[in-house]
Amino acid sequence: MLNFVRSEGRADVYRVSAPTLDLHNAQAFRSGVAPAARNVRIVILDLSQVRFIDSAGIAALLGLVRSVGEAGGTVKLASPTPEVRSILQLVRMHRIVDLYNDVDEIFRELRARPAAA
């Protein structure tokens, strides 16, 4: 359900390879992403394959944001489908974690900032 895609500098990219992030797979997501939360400064989640997210999926994302934050890092969400983007905005998740159109947009922003950022 969670596949490592690539690493670049301070960031690791993971793709959520499930059509939903919901009650049925939120625990598997948490387990799969837990090691990533401890190892890098920036965790990028590619949500391009996710078509639906429910409250359990939102809670799993918030748990990731919290654990990565406690380790001194950040989470960035890339490529949310229109349906998922709408849900994330409805629950105001975009105020907690940055949403990007795609992974490349994140890397362009990271390259433009100094290494200490």
Protein backbone atom coordinates (compact mmCIF):
# COMPACT_ATOMS: atom_id res chain seq x y z
CA MET A 1 0.00 0.00 0.00
CA LEU A 2 2.97 2.31 0.52
CA ASN A 3 5.83 2.15 -1.96
CA PHE A 4 9.17 3.90 -1.73
CA VAL A 5 9.69 5.86 -4.96
CA ARG A 6 12.92 7.81 -4.59
CA SER A 7 15.16 9.80 -2.31
CA GLU A 8 16.63 13.17 -3.12
CA GLY A 9 18.63 15.21 -0.67
CA ARG A 10 16.67 15.56 2.54
CA ALA A 11 13.45 14.07 1.15
CA ASP A 12 12.01 10.62 0.55
CA VAL A 13 9.03 10.09 -1.75
CA TYR A 14 6.44 7.40 -1.07
CA ARG A 15 3.43 6.54 -3.23
CA VAL A 16 0.21 5.44 -1.60
CA SER A 17 -0.72 2.64 -3.99
CA ALA A 18 -4.33 2.10 -2.94
CA PRO A 19 -7.50 3.63 -4.31
CA THR A 20 -8.66 4.52 -0.81
CA LEU A 21 -7.11 5.58 2.46
CA ASP A 22 -9.83 4.63 4.89
CA LEU A 23 -10.85 2.57 7.88
CA HIS A 24 -9.95 -0.66 6.08
CA ASN A 25 -6.31 0.20 5.41
CA ALA A 26 -5.38 3.13 7.67
CA GLN A 27 -3.56 0.84 10.11
CA ALA A 28 -1.54 -0.73 7.29
CA PHE A 29 -0.66 2.79 6.13
CA ARG A 30 0.47 3.76 9.65
CA SER A 31 2.62 0.64 9.92
CA GLY A 32 4.13 1.12 6.48
CA VAL A 33 5.01 4.75 6.93
CA ALA A 34 6.29 4.55 10.53
CA PRO A 35 9.94 3.81 9.59
CA ALA A 36 9.95 6.69 7.11
CA ALA A 37 8.84 9.08 9.81
CA ARG A 38 12.05 8.50 11.72
CA ASN A 39 14.61 8.60 8.93
CA VAL A 40 14.29 11.80 6.88
CA ARG A 41 13.61 15.49 7.28
CA ILE A 42 10.93 15.58 4.58
CA VAL A 43 8.41 12.85 3.81
CA ILE A 44 6.59 13.36 0.51
CA LEU A 45 3.44 11.34 -0.06
CA ASP A 46 2.30 10.92 -3.64
CA LEU A 47 -1.49 10.59 -3.43
CA SER A 48 -2.09 10.32 -7.18
CA GLN A 49 -3.64 6.85 -6.91
CA VAL A 50 -5.93 7.63 -3.97
CA ARG A 51 -9.51 8.37 -5.03
CA PHE A 52 -11.12 8.54 -1.58
CA ILE A 53 -10.04 9.32 1.97
CA ASP A 54 -12.20 9.12 5.08
CA SER A 55 -11.76 10.23 8.69
CA ALA A 56 -9.54 7.23 9.47
CA GLY A 57 -7.30 8.13 6.53
CA ILE A 58 -7.17 11.76 7.68
CA ALA A 59 -6.25 10.58 11.19
CA ALA A 60 -3.48 8.39 9.73
CA LEU A 61 -2.09 11.38 7.81
CA LEU A 62 -2.26 13.55 10.94
CA GLY A 63 -0.41 10.86 12.89
CA LEU A 64 2.33 10.89 10.27
CA VAL A 65 2.54 14.69 10.37
CA ARG A 66 2.83 14.56 14.17
CA SER A 67 5.54 11.86 14.25
CA VAL A 68 7.61 13.42 11.49
CA GLY A 69 7.25 16.81 13.20
CA GLU A 70 8.41 15.37 16.52
CA ALA A 71 11.51 14.06 14.71
CA GLY A 72 12.17 17.57 13.35
CA GLY A 73 10.82 16.98 9.85
CA THR A 74 7.86 17.87 7.67
CA VAL A 75 5.31 16.08 5.51
CA LYS A 76 4.25 17.29 2.08
CA LEU A 77 1.35 15.86 0.08
CA ALA A 78 1.70 15.63 -3.68
CA SER A 79 -0.71 14.94 -6.53
CA PRO A 80 -3.98 14.63 -4.66
CA THR A 81 -6.82 13.73 -6.99
CA PRO A 82 -9.57 16.37 -7.22
CA GLU A 83 -11.77 14.26 -4.92
CA VAL A 84 -9.07 13.87 -2.28
CA ARG A 85 -7.98 17.52 -2.55
CA SER A 86 -11.59 18.57 -1.97
CA ILE A 87 -11.86 16.41 1.16
CA LEU A 88 -8.48 17.62 2.49
CA GLN A 89 -9.54 21.23 1.97
CA LEU A 90 -12.96 20.60 3.51
CA VAL A 91 -11.33 19.41 6.75
CA ARG A 92 -8.75 22.21 6.47
CA MET A 93 -5.84 19.76 6.24
CA HIS A 94 -4.16 22.18 3.83
CA ARG A 95 -3.59 24.47 6.83
CA ILE A 96 -1.58 21.75 8.57
CA VAL A 97 0.33 20.19 5.68
CA ASP A 98 1.26 21.64 2.31
CA LEU A 99 -0.53 20.31 -0.78
CA TYR A 100 1.26 20.31 -4.14
CA ASN A 101 0.13 19.54 -7.67
CA ASP A 102 2.98 17.04 -8.13
CA VAL A 103 6.24 15.77 -6.65
CA ASP A 104 8.36 17.83 -9.05
CA GLU A 105 6.78 21.03 -7.71
CA ILE A 106 8.00 20.10 -4.23
CA PHE A 107 11.53 19.42 -5.43
CA ARG A 108 11.64 22.72 -7.34
CA GLU A 109 10.66 24.51 -4.14
CA LEU A 110 13.23 22.59 -2.09
CA ARG A 111 16.03 23.36 -4.56
CA ALA A 112 15.14 27.05 -4.45
CA ARG A 113 15.49 27.17 -0.65
CA PRO A 114 18.73 27.08 1.33
CA ALA A 115 19.75 23.69 2.77
CA ALA A 116 18.95 24.76 6.35
CA ALA A 117 15.28 25.34 5.51
